[in-house]
N, C-alpha and C. Protein backbone atom coordinates (compact mmCIF):
# COMPACT_ATOMS: atom_id res chain seq x y z
N MET A 1 132.88 146.46 106.67
CA MET A 1 131.82 145.54 106.23
C MET A 1 131.02 145.05 107.44
N GLN A 2 129.71 145.15 107.34
CA GLN A 2 128.85 144.71 108.44
C GLN A 2 128.65 143.20 108.37
N VAL A 3 128.75 142.55 109.49
CA VAL A 3 128.58 141.09 109.58
C VAL A 3 127.30 140.80 110.33
N ASN A 4 126.40 140.01 109.70
CA ASN A 4 125.14 139.71 110.37
C ASN A 4 125.31 138.57 111.37
N ALA A 5 124.24 138.31 112.12
CA ALA A 5 124.30 137.33 113.22
C ALA A 5 124.59 135.93 112.70
N ASP A 6 124.00 135.57 111.54
CA ASP A 6 124.20 134.22 111.01
C ASP A 6 125.63 134.01 110.56
N GLN A 7 126.27 135.05 110.02
CA GLN A 7 127.66 134.92 109.61
C GLN A 7 128.57 134.73 110.81
N LYS A 8 128.24 135.40 111.93
CA LYS A 8 129.02 135.22 113.16
C LYS A 8 128.87 133.81 113.69
N LEU A 9 127.67 133.26 113.61
CA LEU A 9 127.40 131.93 114.16
C LEU A 9 127.95 130.83 113.27
N GLY A 10 128.07 131.08 111.96
CA GLY A 10 128.49 130.04 111.04
C GLY A 10 127.33 129.15 110.66
N PRO A 11 127.55 128.17 109.73
CA PRO A 11 126.47 127.30 109.25
C PRO A 11 125.74 126.56 110.35
N ALA A 12 126.49 126.05 111.34
CA ALA A 12 125.85 125.29 112.42
C ALA A 12 124.91 126.18 113.23
N GLY A 13 125.37 127.40 113.53
CA GLY A 13 124.53 128.31 114.29
C GLY A 13 123.32 128.76 113.51
N HIS A 14 123.50 128.95 112.20
CA HIS A 14 122.37 129.35 111.34
C HIS A 14 121.33 128.25 111.29
N ARG A 15 121.78 127.00 111.16
CA ARG A 15 120.83 125.88 111.15
C ARG A 15 120.05 125.82 112.45
N GLN A 16 120.74 126.08 113.57
CA GLN A 16 120.06 126.04 114.86
C GLN A 16 119.01 127.14 114.95
N ARG A 17 119.31 128.31 114.40
CA ARG A 17 118.33 129.40 114.40
C ARG A 17 117.11 129.03 113.57
N LEU A 18 117.32 128.37 112.44
CA LEU A 18 116.19 127.93 111.62
C LEU A 18 115.34 126.92 112.37
N ARG A 19 115.99 125.99 113.05
CA ARG A 19 115.25 124.98 113.81
C ARG A 19 114.43 125.63 114.92
N GLU A 20 115.01 126.59 115.58
CA GLU A 20 114.31 127.27 116.67
C GLU A 20 113.10 128.04 116.15
N ARG A 21 113.26 128.71 115.01
CA ARG A 21 112.13 129.44 114.42
C ARG A 21 111.02 128.49 114.01
N PHE A 22 111.41 127.36 113.42
CA PHE A 22 110.40 126.38 113.02
C PHE A 22 109.72 125.77 114.24
N ALA A 23 110.50 125.45 115.27
CA ALA A 23 109.93 124.85 116.48
C ALA A 23 108.96 125.81 117.17
N LYS A 24 109.24 127.09 117.09
CA LYS A 24 108.40 128.08 117.76
C LYS A 24 107.13 128.41 116.98
N SER A 25 107.25 128.58 115.66
CA SER A 25 106.12 129.09 114.89
C SER A 25 105.70 128.22 113.71
N GLY A 26 106.39 127.11 113.48
CA GLY A 26 106.02 126.24 112.37
C GLY A 26 106.47 126.78 111.03
N ARG A 27 105.93 126.21 109.95
CA ARG A 27 106.40 126.55 108.61
C ARG A 27 106.11 127.99 108.22
N SER A 28 105.11 128.62 108.86
CA SER A 28 104.77 130.00 108.51
C SER A 28 105.89 130.97 108.85
N ALA A 29 106.82 130.55 109.72
CA ALA A 29 107.92 131.43 110.12
C ALA A 29 109.06 131.42 109.12
N LEU A 30 109.01 130.52 108.15
CA LEU A 30 110.11 130.38 107.20
C LEU A 30 109.63 130.60 105.77
N ALA A 31 110.47 131.25 104.98
CA ALA A 31 110.21 131.33 103.54
C ALA A 31 110.42 129.95 102.94
N ASP A 32 109.94 129.76 101.72
CA ASP A 32 110.07 128.44 101.09
C ASP A 32 111.53 127.97 101.02
N TYR A 33 112.41 128.88 100.63
CA TYR A 33 113.81 128.48 100.49
C TYR A 33 114.40 128.13 101.86
N GLU A 34 113.93 128.81 102.93
CA GLU A 34 114.43 128.50 104.28
C GLU A 34 113.91 127.15 104.76
N LEU A 35 112.65 126.86 104.44
CA LEU A 35 112.10 125.57 104.80
C LEU A 35 112.85 124.45 104.09
N LEU A 36 113.14 124.66 102.82
CA LEU A 36 113.91 123.68 102.06
C LEU A 36 115.34 123.59 102.58
N GLU A 37 115.90 124.74 102.90
CA GLU A 37 117.25 124.78 103.47
C GLU A 37 117.33 123.94 104.75
N LEU A 38 116.33 124.10 105.61
CA LEU A 38 116.29 123.34 106.85
C LEU A 38 116.16 121.85 106.56
N LEU A 39 115.31 121.49 105.62
CA LEU A 39 115.14 120.09 105.25
C LEU A 39 116.45 119.50 104.74
N LEU A 40 117.16 120.25 103.91
CA LEU A 40 118.39 119.75 103.32
C LEU A 40 119.51 119.53 104.34
N THR A 41 119.43 120.22 105.48
CA THR A 41 120.47 120.01 106.50
C THR A 41 120.48 118.58 107.01
N TYR A 42 119.34 117.89 106.87
CA TYR A 42 119.28 116.49 107.32
C TYR A 42 119.79 115.53 106.25
N GLY A 43 119.88 116.01 105.02
CA GLY A 43 120.41 115.18 103.95
C GLY A 43 121.83 115.56 103.56
N ILE A 44 122.22 116.81 103.88
CA ILE A 44 123.57 117.29 103.57
C ILE A 44 124.16 117.91 104.84
N PRO A 45 124.64 117.12 105.76
CA PRO A 45 125.17 117.66 107.01
C PRO A 45 126.49 118.39 106.82
N ARG A 46 126.73 119.37 107.70
CA ARG A 46 128.01 120.09 107.78
C ARG A 46 128.30 120.96 106.56
N ILE A 47 127.29 121.28 105.78
CA ILE A 47 127.47 122.16 104.62
C ILE A 47 126.38 123.24 104.67
N ASP A 48 126.72 124.46 104.27
CA ASP A 48 125.73 125.53 104.18
C ASP A 48 124.77 125.22 103.04
N THR A 49 123.52 124.93 103.38
CA THR A 49 122.55 124.51 102.37
C THR A 49 121.72 125.67 101.81
N LYS A 50 121.94 126.88 102.32
CA LYS A 50 121.14 128.01 101.82
C LYS A 50 121.34 128.24 100.32
N PRO A 51 122.59 128.30 99.80
CA PRO A 51 122.74 128.52 98.36
C PRO A 51 122.10 127.41 97.52
N ILE A 52 122.18 126.17 98.00
CA ILE A 52 121.58 125.05 97.28
C ILE A 52 120.06 125.20 97.25
N ALA A 53 119.48 125.54 98.40
CA ALA A 53 118.03 125.70 98.48
C ALA A 53 117.54 126.83 97.57
N LYS A 54 118.25 127.94 97.57
CA LYS A 54 117.86 129.08 96.73
C LYS A 54 117.97 128.71 95.25
N ASP A 55 119.02 127.98 94.90
CA ASP A 55 119.20 127.56 93.52
C ASP A 55 118.08 126.62 93.08
N LEU A 56 117.69 125.70 93.94
CA LEU A 56 116.61 124.76 93.63
C LEU A 56 115.28 125.49 93.42
N ILE A 57 114.98 126.42 94.32
CA ILE A 57 113.74 127.19 94.20
C ILE A 57 113.74 128.03 92.92
N GLN A 58 114.88 128.64 92.62
CA GLN A 58 114.97 129.46 91.42
C GLN A 58 114.74 128.62 90.16
N GLN A 59 115.26 127.41 90.13
CA GLN A 59 115.14 126.58 88.93
C GLN A 59 113.79 125.90 88.80
N PHE A 60 113.23 125.44 89.94
CA PHE A 60 112.04 124.59 89.86
C PHE A 60 110.79 125.19 90.49
N GLY A 61 110.91 126.37 91.09
CA GLY A 61 109.74 127.13 91.51
C GLY A 61 109.18 126.85 92.89
N THR A 62 108.90 125.61 93.20
CA THR A 62 108.28 125.27 94.48
C THR A 62 108.95 124.03 95.06
N ILE A 63 108.70 123.80 96.35
CA ILE A 63 109.24 122.60 97.00
C ILE A 63 108.67 121.35 96.35
N LEU A 64 107.37 121.37 96.05
CA LEU A 64 106.76 120.22 95.38
C LEU A 64 107.39 120.00 94.01
N GLY A 65 107.61 121.09 93.26
CA GLY A 65 108.23 120.97 91.96
C GLY A 65 109.63 120.38 92.04
N ILE A 66 110.33 120.68 93.14
CA ILE A 66 111.69 120.16 93.33
C ILE A 66 111.67 118.65 93.57
N ILE A 67 110.85 118.21 94.52
CA ILE A 67 110.89 116.78 94.87
C ILE A 67 110.28 115.90 93.79
N GLN A 68 109.57 116.52 92.84
CA GLN A 68 109.01 115.75 91.73
C GLN A 68 109.96 115.66 90.53
N GLN A 69 111.08 116.37 90.59
CA GLN A 69 112.00 116.36 89.46
C GLN A 69 112.67 114.99 89.32
N PRO A 70 112.98 114.59 88.07
CA PRO A 70 113.73 113.35 87.89
C PRO A 70 115.16 113.50 88.39
N GLU A 71 115.77 112.39 88.70
CA GLU A 71 117.13 112.39 89.25
C GLU A 71 118.11 113.15 88.36
N SER A 72 117.99 112.97 87.05
CA SER A 72 118.95 113.59 86.13
C SER A 72 118.95 115.12 86.24
N ARG A 73 117.78 115.73 86.46
CA ARG A 73 117.71 117.19 86.54
C ARG A 73 118.21 117.68 87.89
N LEU A 74 117.92 116.94 88.95
CA LEU A 74 118.40 117.36 90.27
C LEU A 74 119.92 117.29 90.36
N LEU A 75 120.51 116.29 89.71
CA LEU A 75 121.96 116.13 89.77
C LEU A 75 122.70 117.24 89.03
N GLN A 76 121.99 118.01 88.21
CA GLN A 76 122.61 119.12 87.51
C GLN A 76 122.78 120.35 88.41
N VAL A 77 122.13 120.33 89.58
CA VAL A 77 122.22 121.46 90.51
C VAL A 77 123.49 121.33 91.34
N ASN A 78 124.26 122.39 91.41
CA ASN A 78 125.50 122.38 92.17
C ASN A 78 125.24 122.08 93.65
N GLY A 79 125.95 121.09 94.18
CA GLY A 79 125.79 120.72 95.58
C GLY A 79 124.87 119.54 95.81
N ILE A 80 124.17 119.11 94.76
CA ILE A 80 123.25 117.98 94.87
C ILE A 80 123.92 116.71 94.35
N GLY A 81 124.01 115.70 95.21
CA GLY A 81 124.56 114.40 94.82
C GLY A 81 123.49 113.33 94.89
N ARG A 82 123.88 112.11 94.60
CA ARG A 82 122.91 111.01 94.56
C ARG A 82 122.27 110.75 95.93
N GLN A 83 123.04 110.92 96.99
CA GLN A 83 122.47 110.71 98.32
C GLN A 83 121.37 111.72 98.63
N THR A 84 121.57 112.97 98.21
CA THR A 84 120.55 114.01 98.43
C THR A 84 119.34 113.75 97.56
N VAL A 85 119.56 113.32 96.32
CA VAL A 85 118.44 112.97 95.44
C VAL A 85 117.62 111.85 96.06
N PHE A 86 118.29 110.84 96.59
CA PHE A 86 117.59 109.73 97.24
C PHE A 86 116.78 110.24 98.44
N PHE A 87 117.37 111.14 99.21
CA PHE A 87 116.68 111.74 100.36
C PHE A 87 115.41 112.46 99.92
N LEU A 88 115.49 113.23 98.85
CA LEU A 88 114.32 113.96 98.34
C LEU A 88 113.27 113.00 97.79
N LYS A 89 113.72 111.90 97.18
CA LYS A 89 112.77 110.92 96.65
C LYS A 89 112.04 110.19 97.77
N VAL A 90 112.71 109.99 98.89
CA VAL A 90 112.02 109.39 100.05
C VAL A 90 110.94 110.35 100.56
N ILE A 91 111.27 111.64 100.60
CA ILE A 91 110.27 112.65 101.00
C ILE A 91 109.07 112.59 100.05
N HIS A 92 109.35 112.54 98.76
CA HIS A 92 108.28 112.47 97.76
C HIS A 92 107.45 111.20 97.96
N GLY A 93 108.12 110.08 98.24
CA GLY A 93 107.40 108.83 98.48
C GLY A 93 106.48 108.92 99.68
N CYS A 94 106.95 109.57 100.74
CA CYS A 94 106.13 109.74 101.95
C CYS A 94 104.90 110.59 101.67
N LEU A 95 105.09 111.70 100.95
CA LEU A 95 103.97 112.58 100.62
C LEU A 95 102.95 111.86 99.74
N THR A 96 103.46 111.10 98.76
CA THR A 96 102.56 110.37 97.87
C THR A 96 101.77 109.34 98.65
N ARG A 97 102.43 108.66 99.57
CA ARG A 97 101.72 107.66 100.38
C ARG A 97 100.64 108.32 101.24
N CYS A 98 100.91 109.52 101.75
CA CYS A 98 99.89 110.26 102.52
C CYS A 98 98.69 110.57 101.64
N MET A 99 98.95 110.99 100.40
CA MET A 99 97.87 111.27 99.45
C MET A 99 97.07 110.01 99.16
N GLU A 100 97.77 108.90 98.97
CA GLU A 100 97.09 107.64 98.70
C GLU A 100 96.16 107.28 99.85
N ALA A 101 96.66 107.41 101.07
CA ALA A 101 95.85 107.06 102.24
C ALA A 101 94.61 107.94 102.34
N GLU A 102 94.78 109.23 102.02
CA GLU A 102 93.65 110.15 102.09
C GLU A 102 92.58 109.78 101.07
N VAL A 103 93.04 109.46 99.85
CA VAL A 103 92.09 109.09 98.79
C VAL A 103 91.44 107.75 99.08
N GLU A 104 92.24 106.78 99.52
CA GLU A 104 91.73 105.43 99.76
C GLU A 104 90.69 105.38 100.87
N THR A 105 90.78 106.31 101.84
CA THR A 105 89.85 106.28 102.97
C THR A 105 88.67 107.22 102.80
N GLN A 106 88.57 107.91 101.66
CA GLN A 106 87.40 108.75 101.42
C GLN A 106 86.15 107.89 101.33
N PRO A 107 85.03 108.39 101.87
CA PRO A 107 83.78 107.62 101.79
C PRO A 107 83.43 107.27 100.35
N SER A 108 83.65 108.21 99.43
CA SER A 108 83.39 107.94 98.01
C SER A 108 84.07 109.01 97.17
N ILE A 109 84.24 108.72 95.90
CA ILE A 109 84.79 109.68 94.95
C ILE A 109 83.62 110.31 94.21
N ALA A 110 83.36 111.58 94.56
CA ALA A 110 82.20 112.26 93.97
C ALA A 110 82.53 112.89 92.62
N GLY A 111 83.80 113.24 92.41
CA GLY A 111 84.17 113.89 91.15
C GLY A 111 85.67 113.95 91.02
N PRO A 112 86.17 114.44 89.88
CA PRO A 112 87.61 114.47 89.64
C PRO A 112 88.39 115.31 90.64
N GLU A 113 87.73 116.30 91.23
CA GLU A 113 88.40 117.14 92.22
C GLU A 113 88.90 116.33 93.41
N ASP A 114 88.21 115.22 93.72
CA ASP A 114 88.56 114.42 94.89
C ASP A 114 89.88 113.67 94.73
N ILE A 115 90.35 113.52 93.51
CA ILE A 115 91.58 112.76 93.29
C ILE A 115 92.68 113.58 92.63
N PHE A 116 92.42 114.86 92.36
CA PHE A 116 93.37 115.65 91.60
C PHE A 116 94.72 115.76 92.31
N ALA A 117 94.74 116.07 93.61
CA ALA A 117 96.00 116.23 94.33
C ALA A 117 96.82 114.95 94.31
N PHE A 118 96.14 113.83 94.48
CA PHE A 118 96.80 112.53 94.48
C PHE A 118 97.41 112.24 93.11
N ILE A 119 96.65 112.45 92.06
CA ILE A 119 97.12 112.18 90.71
C ILE A 119 98.23 113.14 90.31
N ARG A 120 98.11 114.39 90.69
CA ARG A 120 99.16 115.36 90.36
C ARG A 120 100.48 114.95 91.00
N MET A 121 100.42 114.42 92.22
CA MET A 121 101.63 113.97 92.89
C MET A 121 102.26 112.81 92.14
N HIS A 122 101.42 111.93 91.61
CA HIS A 122 101.92 110.76 90.89
C HIS A 122 102.48 111.09 89.51
N LEU A 123 101.75 111.93 88.76
CA LEU A 123 102.05 112.08 87.34
C LEU A 123 102.45 113.48 86.89
N GLY A 124 102.13 114.49 87.69
CA GLY A 124 102.24 115.87 87.22
C GLY A 124 103.57 116.28 86.63
N MET A 125 104.69 115.84 87.24
CA MET A 125 106.01 116.30 86.80
C MET A 125 106.78 115.25 86.01
N ARG A 126 106.17 114.14 85.66
CA ARG A 126 106.91 113.12 84.91
C ARG A 126 107.26 113.62 83.52
N GLN A 127 108.42 113.19 83.04
CA GLN A 127 108.93 113.67 81.76
C GLN A 127 108.36 112.91 80.57
N ASN A 128 107.86 111.70 80.80
CA ASN A 128 107.22 110.90 79.75
C ASN A 128 105.75 110.70 80.08
N GLU A 129 104.99 110.27 79.10
CA GLU A 129 103.57 110.01 79.33
C GLU A 129 103.38 108.69 80.07
N TYR A 130 102.50 108.73 81.06
CA TYR A 130 102.11 107.52 81.80
C TYR A 130 100.59 107.50 81.89
N VAL A 131 100.05 106.30 81.99
CA VAL A 131 98.60 106.14 82.17
C VAL A 131 98.37 105.43 83.49
N TYR A 132 97.51 106.01 84.29
CA TYR A 132 97.21 105.49 85.62
C TYR A 132 95.71 105.21 85.70
N ALA A 133 95.33 104.23 86.49
CA ALA A 133 93.91 103.91 86.63
C ALA A 133 93.54 103.73 88.08
N LEU A 134 92.38 104.24 88.43
CA LEU A 134 91.82 104.06 89.77
C LEU A 134 90.53 103.26 89.62
N TYR A 135 90.39 102.20 90.40
CA TYR A 135 89.26 101.28 90.28
C TYR A 135 88.31 101.47 91.46
N LEU A 136 87.01 101.56 91.14
CA LEU A 136 85.99 101.89 92.14
C LEU A 136 85.00 100.75 92.30
N ASP A 137 84.42 100.68 93.51
CA ASP A 137 83.33 99.73 93.73
C ASP A 137 81.99 100.45 93.52
N ASN A 138 80.91 99.79 93.88
CA ASN A 138 79.57 100.37 93.66
C ASN A 138 79.34 101.67 94.42
N ALA A 139 80.07 101.83 95.54
CA ALA A 139 79.93 103.05 96.35
C ALA A 139 80.93 104.13 95.94
N ASN A 140 81.60 103.94 94.81
CA ASN A 140 82.62 104.87 94.32
C ASN A 140 83.79 105.01 95.29
N HIS A 141 84.08 103.93 96.00
CA HIS A 141 85.25 103.89 96.87
C HIS A 141 86.38 103.21 96.11
N ILE A 142 87.59 103.74 96.22
CA ILE A 142 88.73 103.17 95.50
C ILE A 142 89.12 101.82 96.10
N VAL A 143 89.12 100.79 95.26
CA VAL A 143 89.52 99.45 95.72
C VAL A 143 90.91 99.09 95.22
N HIS A 144 91.40 99.82 94.23
CA HIS A 144 92.74 99.54 93.70
C HIS A 144 93.16 100.70 92.81
N HIS A 145 94.47 100.93 92.69
CA HIS A 145 94.98 101.91 91.75
C HIS A 145 96.36 101.46 91.29
N CYS A 146 96.68 101.70 90.03
CA CYS A 146 97.96 101.24 89.49
C CYS A 146 98.27 101.91 88.16
N GLU A 147 99.52 101.82 87.76
CA GLU A 147 99.95 102.29 86.45
C GLU A 147 99.60 101.21 85.42
N VAL A 148 99.01 101.62 84.30
CA VAL A 148 98.61 100.63 83.29
C VAL A 148 99.34 100.79 81.97
N ALA A 149 100.10 101.87 81.80
CA ALA A 149 100.87 102.05 80.57
C ALA A 149 101.92 103.14 80.77
N ALA A 150 103.03 102.99 80.06
CA ALA A 150 104.09 104.00 80.08
C ALA A 150 104.53 104.24 78.64
N GLY A 151 105.00 105.46 78.37
CA GLY A 151 105.36 105.78 77.00
C GLY A 151 106.54 106.71 76.89
N THR A 152 106.50 107.55 75.86
CA THR A 152 107.58 108.49 75.58
C THR A 152 107.14 109.88 76.01
N VAL A 153 107.89 110.88 75.59
CA VAL A 153 107.60 112.25 75.99
C VAL A 153 106.26 112.74 75.46
N ASP A 154 105.75 112.16 74.36
CA ASP A 154 104.50 112.66 73.81
C ASP A 154 103.50 111.56 73.44
N LYS A 155 103.76 110.32 73.85
CA LYS A 155 102.84 109.25 73.47
C LYS A 155 102.96 108.06 74.42
N SER A 156 101.84 107.41 74.67
CA SER A 156 101.84 106.16 75.42
C SER A 156 100.88 105.20 74.74
N SER A 157 101.26 103.93 74.71
CA SER A 157 100.42 102.91 74.07
C SER A 157 99.57 102.22 75.13
N LEU A 158 98.27 102.36 75.01
CA LEU A 158 97.35 101.81 76.00
C LEU A 158 96.55 100.66 75.39
N TYR A 159 96.57 99.52 76.07
CA TYR A 159 95.82 98.35 75.63
C TYR A 159 94.64 98.13 76.58
N PRO A 160 93.42 98.06 76.05
CA PRO A 160 92.25 97.90 76.91
C PRO A 160 92.35 96.76 77.91
N ARG A 161 92.99 95.65 77.51
CA ARG A 161 93.09 94.51 78.43
C ARG A 161 93.89 94.86 79.68
N GLU A 162 94.87 95.80 79.56
CA GLU A 162 95.66 96.20 80.72
C GLU A 162 94.83 97.03 81.69
N VAL A 163 93.81 97.70 81.17
CA VAL A 163 92.90 98.46 82.03
C VAL A 163 91.88 97.52 82.67
N LEU A 164 91.41 96.54 81.90
CA LEU A 164 90.36 95.65 82.39
C LEU A 164 90.86 94.61 83.39
N LYS A 165 92.08 94.14 83.21
CA LYS A 165 92.59 93.07 84.06
C LYS A 165 92.48 93.39 85.56
N PRO A 166 92.99 94.53 86.05
CA PRO A 166 92.85 94.85 87.47
C PRO A 166 91.39 95.03 87.90
N ALA A 167 90.55 95.54 86.98
CA ALA A 167 89.13 95.73 87.31
C ALA A 167 88.48 94.39 87.63
N LEU A 168 88.79 93.37 86.85
CA LEU A 168 88.20 92.05 87.07
C LEU A 168 88.78 91.39 88.31
N ILE A 169 90.07 91.56 88.53
CA ILE A 169 90.72 90.95 89.71
C ILE A 169 90.15 91.53 91.00
N HIS A 170 89.89 92.83 91.01
CA HIS A 170 89.46 93.52 92.23
C HIS A 170 87.95 93.77 92.28
N ASN A 171 87.21 93.13 91.37
CA ASN A 171 85.75 93.25 91.34
C ASN A 171 85.28 94.70 91.29
N ALA A 172 85.96 95.50 90.50
CA ALA A 172 85.59 96.91 90.37
C ALA A 172 84.41 97.05 89.43
N THR A 173 83.61 98.07 89.68
CA THR A 173 82.48 98.37 88.80
C THR A 173 82.68 99.68 88.04
N GLY A 174 83.74 100.39 88.39
CA GLY A 174 84.03 101.65 87.72
C GLY A 174 85.53 101.88 87.66
N VAL A 175 85.96 102.67 86.68
CA VAL A 175 87.38 103.00 86.55
C VAL A 175 87.54 104.45 86.13
N VAL A 176 88.51 105.12 86.74
CA VAL A 176 88.90 106.47 86.34
C VAL A 176 90.27 106.35 85.71
N LEU A 177 90.37 106.73 84.45
CA LEU A 177 91.64 106.66 83.73
C LEU A 177 92.30 108.04 83.78
N VAL A 178 93.61 108.06 83.97
CA VAL A 178 94.34 109.32 84.05
C VAL A 178 95.63 109.19 83.25
N HIS A 179 95.95 110.22 82.46
CA HIS A 179 97.29 110.25 81.86
C HIS A 179 97.80 111.68 81.86
N ASN A 180 99.12 111.82 81.81
CA ASN A 180 99.74 113.13 81.89
C ASN A 180 100.17 113.63 80.53
N HIS A 181 100.26 114.95 80.41
CA HIS A 181 100.81 115.60 79.22
C HIS A 181 102.08 116.34 79.66
N PRO A 182 103.25 115.75 79.45
CA PRO A 182 104.48 116.38 79.91
C PRO A 182 104.73 117.77 79.33
N ALA A 183 104.18 118.03 78.15
CA ALA A 183 104.39 119.35 77.53
C ALA A 183 103.73 120.48 78.30
N GLY A 184 102.77 120.14 79.17
CA GLY A 184 102.22 121.15 80.06
C GLY A 184 100.83 121.65 79.77
N GLN A 185 100.17 121.17 78.71
CA GLN A 185 98.82 121.63 78.39
C GLN A 185 97.84 120.45 78.52
N PRO A 186 96.84 120.58 79.40
CA PRO A 186 95.89 119.47 79.60
C PRO A 186 94.77 119.46 78.58
N VAL A 187 95.12 119.59 77.32
CA VAL A 187 94.12 119.64 76.25
C VAL A 187 94.05 118.27 75.59
N PRO A 188 92.87 117.64 75.55
CA PRO A 188 92.77 116.30 74.95
C PRO A 188 93.00 116.34 73.43
N SER A 189 93.78 115.39 72.96
CA SER A 189 93.98 115.26 71.52
C SER A 189 92.84 114.42 70.95
N GLU A 190 92.76 114.35 69.63
CA GLU A 190 91.74 113.53 69.01
C GLU A 190 91.96 112.06 69.37
N GLU A 191 93.22 111.68 69.52
CA GLU A 191 93.54 110.31 69.93
C GLU A 191 93.05 110.04 71.35
N ASP A 192 93.18 111.04 72.24
CA ASP A 192 92.68 110.90 73.61
C ASP A 192 91.17 110.67 73.61
N LEU A 193 90.46 111.42 72.78
CA LEU A 193 89.01 111.29 72.72
C LEU A 193 88.60 109.95 72.13
N THR A 194 89.36 109.50 71.13
CA THR A 194 89.05 108.21 70.51
C THR A 194 89.24 107.07 71.49
N ILE A 195 90.36 107.06 72.23
CA ILE A 195 90.61 105.97 73.19
C ILE A 195 89.59 106.00 74.31
N THR A 196 89.10 107.19 74.64
CA THR A 196 88.06 107.30 75.67
C THR A 196 86.78 106.61 75.21
N ARG A 197 86.39 106.89 73.98
CA ARG A 197 85.17 106.27 73.44
C ARG A 197 85.32 104.75 73.33
N GLU A 198 86.49 104.30 72.89
CA GLU A 198 86.72 102.86 72.75
C GLU A 198 86.71 102.16 74.09
N LEU A 199 87.39 102.76 75.07
CA LEU A 199 87.42 102.16 76.41
C LEU A 199 86.04 102.13 77.05
N GLU A 200 85.26 103.16 76.79
CA GLU A 200 83.90 103.20 77.33
C GLU A 200 83.11 101.99 76.84
N LYS A 201 83.26 101.65 75.57
CA LYS A 201 82.55 100.50 75.01
C LYS A 201 83.09 99.18 75.57
N VAL A 202 84.41 99.07 75.62
CA VAL A 202 85.03 97.81 76.07
C VAL A 202 84.73 97.54 77.53
N THR A 203 84.86 98.54 78.38
CA THR A 203 84.60 98.34 79.81
C THR A 203 83.13 98.03 80.05
N ALA A 204 82.25 98.70 79.33
CA ALA A 204 80.81 98.47 79.51
C ALA A 204 80.43 97.05 79.14
N SER A 205 81.17 96.44 78.21
CA SER A 205 80.85 95.07 77.77
C SER A 205 81.07 94.04 78.87
N VAL A 206 81.85 94.39 79.89
CA VAL A 206 82.07 93.47 81.02
C VAL A 206 81.50 94.04 82.32
N GLY A 207 80.61 95.02 82.20
CA GLY A 207 79.93 95.56 83.38
C GLY A 207 80.73 96.56 84.18
N VAL A 208 81.74 97.18 83.58
CA VAL A 208 82.56 98.18 84.26
C VAL A 208 82.35 99.53 83.57
N LYS A 209 82.09 100.56 84.35
CA LYS A 209 81.84 101.89 83.80
C LYS A 209 83.11 102.72 83.77
N LEU A 210 83.40 103.35 82.63
CA LEU A 210 84.48 104.32 82.57
C LEU A 210 83.94 105.63 83.15
N VAL A 211 84.27 105.89 84.40
CA VAL A 211 83.71 107.04 85.12
C VAL A 211 84.25 108.34 84.55
N ASP A 212 85.53 108.38 84.24
CA ASP A 212 86.12 109.60 83.68
C ASP A 212 87.49 109.27 83.10
N HIS A 213 87.97 110.19 82.29
CA HIS A 213 89.33 110.13 81.76
C HIS A 213 89.92 111.51 81.98
N LEU A 214 90.95 111.60 82.82
CA LEU A 214 91.55 112.87 83.17
C LEU A 214 92.91 113.03 82.50
N ILE A 215 93.20 114.25 82.09
CA ILE A 215 94.51 114.62 81.58
C ILE A 215 95.12 115.59 82.58
N VAL A 216 96.32 115.29 83.08
CA VAL A 216 96.91 116.13 84.13
C VAL A 216 98.25 116.70 83.70
N THR A 217 98.54 117.88 84.25
CA THR A 217 99.87 118.49 84.17
C THR A 217 100.28 118.79 85.61
N ARG A 218 101.35 119.54 85.76
CA ARG A 218 101.82 119.85 87.11
C ARG A 218 100.80 120.68 87.89
N THR A 219 100.03 121.52 87.20
CA THR A 219 99.14 122.44 87.91
C THR A 219 97.67 122.29 87.57
N GLN A 220 97.34 121.55 86.51
CA GLN A 220 95.95 121.49 86.06
C GLN A 220 95.54 120.08 85.69
N ALA A 221 94.24 119.92 85.55
CA ALA A 221 93.69 118.66 85.04
C ALA A 221 92.46 118.98 84.20
N PHE A 222 92.23 118.15 83.21
CA PHE A 222 91.05 118.30 82.35
C PHE A 222 90.25 117.02 82.42
N SER A 223 88.96 117.16 82.72
CA SER A 223 88.05 116.02 82.76
C SER A 223 87.38 115.89 81.40
N ILE A 224 87.67 114.80 80.69
CA ILE A 224 87.07 114.60 79.38
C ILE A 224 85.55 114.40 79.51
N LYS A 225 85.13 113.70 80.56
CA LYS A 225 83.70 113.48 80.74
C LYS A 225 82.95 114.79 81.04
N ALA A 226 83.55 115.60 81.92
CA ALA A 226 82.90 116.86 82.27
C ALA A 226 83.17 117.95 81.23
N GLY A 227 84.24 117.77 80.45
CA GLY A 227 84.58 118.74 79.43
C GLY A 227 85.07 120.05 79.98
N LYS A 228 85.81 120.00 81.10
CA LYS A 228 86.26 121.25 81.70
C LYS A 228 87.54 121.03 82.50
N LEU A 229 88.24 122.15 82.74
CA LEU A 229 89.42 122.15 83.60
C LEU A 229 88.98 122.05 85.04
N ILE A 230 89.82 121.38 85.87
CA ILE A 230 89.54 121.32 87.31
C ILE A 230 90.78 121.77 88.06
């Protein structure tokens, strides 16, 4: 039986080889599972993380898909414990905060494309429906963003006052409403269209414009105002 170099070195030597490859050439030198494997060595020390990384990629497809998974699904993977889940959630929190900073410092929001990555990070992989709102000033700069409603796997109850309250507190003149479809299709329902029309009237009555209403999944978003996928 032929023994490769990593088997001779053992897990510690293999981890060192991964670190050296990453230090020399960056992420392009590693496959996705290897990059994840290297990351997991900091959350699961003294254990061979390659099988865990490969299993995670096989089940959830991408590194982003993995860190967006709920705790219950991650804990079903062999080798993943609560400490590792917490480690991955911290990574997800850091990435989300980076997205927030990028969006918050943009000169203006010209269209739904400008916020898609940020919103996908927040809502794309959630198992239940959530409604999120981004509040804009006259220059279309984000002055505030927050969750305004939470629901079940296929429904969320949205009250106009919960959308308007932050707008008035932060002197916003525009709002972008976003909600996710956990089933995976960003197609607006008749209820989605109805709430859009109602919110447009309610917000306009206090001088706030409903700029758009987006429906997001893990990979796509639909702009109700533009009537197209983005």
